[in-house]
Protein backbone atom coordinates (compact mmCIF):
# COMPACT_ATOMS: atom_id res chain seq x y z
CA MET A 1 -31.57 19.73 -12.63
CA SER A 2 -30.38 16.45 -11.11
CA SER A 3 -26.82 15.20 -10.92
CA SER A 4 -27.65 12.40 -13.34
CA THR A 5 -27.70 15.03 -16.11
CA LEU A 6 -24.39 16.55 -14.97
CA LYS A 7 -20.95 15.00 -15.07
CA PRO A 8 -18.12 15.95 -12.72
CA LEU A 9 -15.85 18.27 -14.69
CA ARG A 10 -12.20 19.29 -14.93
CA PHE A 11 -10.75 22.23 -13.00
CA LYS A 12 -10.78 24.57 -16.02
CA GLU A 13 -14.51 23.96 -16.44
CA VAL A 14 -15.60 24.16 -12.80
CA ASP A 15 -13.41 27.04 -11.60
CA ARG A 16 -15.86 29.63 -12.90
CA TYR A 17 -18.80 28.29 -10.83
CA LEU A 18 -19.31 29.56 -7.30
CA CYS A 19 -20.67 26.22 -6.02
CA TRP A 20 -17.46 24.44 -7.06
CA GLN A 21 -15.24 27.27 -5.75
CA ILE A 22 -16.91 26.90 -2.35
CA ALA A 23 -16.45 23.12 -2.44
CA MET A 24 -12.74 23.51 -3.24
CA LYS A 25 -12.26 26.15 -0.51
CA ASN A 26 -13.96 23.83 2.02
CA GLU A 27 -11.61 20.98 1.06
CA ILE A 28 -8.50 23.18 1.38
CA ALA A 29 -9.74 24.53 4.73
CA ALA A 30 -10.25 20.99 6.04
CA LEU A 31 -6.77 19.93 4.88
CA LEU A 32 -5.20 22.96 6.57
CA ALA A 33 -7.21 22.50 9.78
CA ASN A 34 -6.05 18.88 10.05
CA ALA A 35 -2.39 19.74 9.30
CA ILE A 36 -2.25 17.22 6.45
CA TRP A 37 0.92 18.67 4.94
CA SER A 38 3.74 21.07 5.61
CA LEU A 39 5.33 23.32 3.03
CA VAL A 40 9.01 22.55 2.43
CA PRO A 41 11.60 24.00 0.03
CA CYS A 42 11.71 22.40 -3.41
CA ASP A 43 14.66 20.05 -3.87
CA LEU A 44 15.32 19.09 -7.50
CA SER A 45 16.84 15.77 -6.43
CA ILE A 46 13.52 14.43 -5.12
CA ASN A 47 10.40 13.33 -6.97
CA ILE A 48 7.64 15.93 -6.78
CA VAL A 49 4.28 14.20 -6.45
CA GLY A 50 1.46 16.24 -7.93
CA CYS A 51 -2.23 16.34 -7.12
CA GLN A 52 -5.51 16.88 -8.91
CA TRP A 53 -9.10 17.78 -8.10
CA VAL A 54 -11.83 15.14 -8.21
CA TYR A 55 -15.42 16.38 -8.35
CA LYS A 56 -18.62 14.65 -7.23
CA ILE A 57 -22.21 15.80 -7.07
CA LYS A 58 -24.14 14.38 -4.11
CA ASP A 59 -27.86 13.67 -4.59
CA ARG A 60 -30.85 13.71 -2.29
CA ALA A 61 -33.38 10.86 -2.40
CA ASP A 62 -35.46 12.75 -4.99
CA ARG A 63 -32.34 12.99 -7.28
CA ALA A 64 -32.06 16.76 -6.73
CA ILE A 65 -28.57 18.11 -6.04
CA ASP A 66 -27.77 18.10 -2.33
CA TRP A 67 -24.18 19.40 -2.37
CA TYR A 68 -21.02 19.63 -4.41
CA LYS A 69 -17.93 17.73 -3.24
CA ALA A 70 -14.41 18.58 -4.37
CA ARG A 71 -11.54 16.40 -3.21
CA LEU A 72 -7.84 17.12 -3.68
CA VAL A 73 -6.09 13.80 -4.31
CA VAL A 74 -2.44 12.91 -4.74
CA ARG A 75 -1.34 11.46 -8.07
CA GLY A 76 0.15 8.44 -6.33
CA PHE A 77 1.00 6.60 -9.54
CA THR A 78 4.06 8.88 -9.82
CA GLN A 79 5.48 7.64 -6.51
CA GLN A 80 8.16 4.98 -6.13
CA GLU A 81 8.16 2.54 -3.21
CA GLY A 82 11.12 3.05 -0.89
CA LEU A 83 11.82 6.48 -2.36
CA ASP A 84 8.58 8.46 -1.95
CA TYR A 85 6.87 6.21 0.60
CA LEU A 86 7.70 3.31 2.87
CA GLU A 87 4.31 1.80 3.66
CA THR A 88 0.69 2.05 2.57
CA PHE A 89 -2.63 1.72 4.35
CA SER A 90 -5.91 0.98 2.70
CA LEU A 91 -9.06 0.59 4.74
CA VAL A 92 -11.00 -2.34 3.30
CA LEU A 93 -14.47 -3.40 4.33
CA LYS A 94 -15.35 -6.95 3.34
CA PRO A 95 -18.78 -7.67 1.83
CA THR A 96 -19.39 -10.35 4.48
CA THR A 97 -19.09 -7.69 7.19
CA ILE A 98 -21.73 -5.55 5.46
CA TRP A 99 -24.03 -8.57 5.05
CA LEU A 100 -23.62 -9.47 8.73
CA VAL A 101 -24.47 -5.95 9.88
CA LEU A 102 -27.48 -5.76 7.54
CA THR A 103 -28.68 -9.18 8.76
CA ILE A 104 -28.56 -7.99 12.36
CA VAL A 105 -30.37 -4.75 11.44
CA VAL A 106 -33.17 -6.62 9.65
CA SER A 107 -33.54 -9.27 12.37
CA LYS A 108 -33.83 -6.57 15.06
CA GLY A 109 -36.21 -4.42 12.97
CA TRP A 110 -33.91 -1.42 13.17
CA LYS A 111 -33.97 1.49 10.72
CA ILE A 112 -31.03 2.21 8.44
CA ARG A 113 -29.84 5.74 7.76
CA GLN A 114 -27.10 7.06 5.52
CA LEU A 115 -24.49 9.52 6.72
CA ASP A 116 -22.23 11.56 4.45
CA VAL A 117 -18.92 12.57 5.98
CA HIS A 118 -17.48 15.68 4.36
CA ASN A 119 -13.89 15.04 5.46
CA ALA A 120 -12.64 11.96 7.26
CA PHE A 121 -9.07 11.85 8.53
CA LEU A 122 -8.13 8.55 10.14
CA ASN A 123 -4.87 9.80 11.62
CA GLY A 124 -5.90 13.40 12.31
């Protein structure tokens, strides 16, 4: 079965499948290994920002399932600037940069390969 016939599901639906449990455990292990957060006492005077799981099925070239990716993401729309955060950072790659790199690759006759990064932490 290919991923085109499957849709990423909600936690209640994926929790009973071993492949998704492994994907979620791998994500939690990576977050813990990179010291992404620290546990602090709950203070009712501050805004608690929740999180949710996002699921993705990665394909091989033949459309067969390669691996299952689970990502724990913050529900940032509940945050307030100046209260919950002071600054933001968003890595943006401009299309002209991609075109330039591809032009160089083609002109030099180089091969292009894709690389999937399981967990990338810019400030790890």
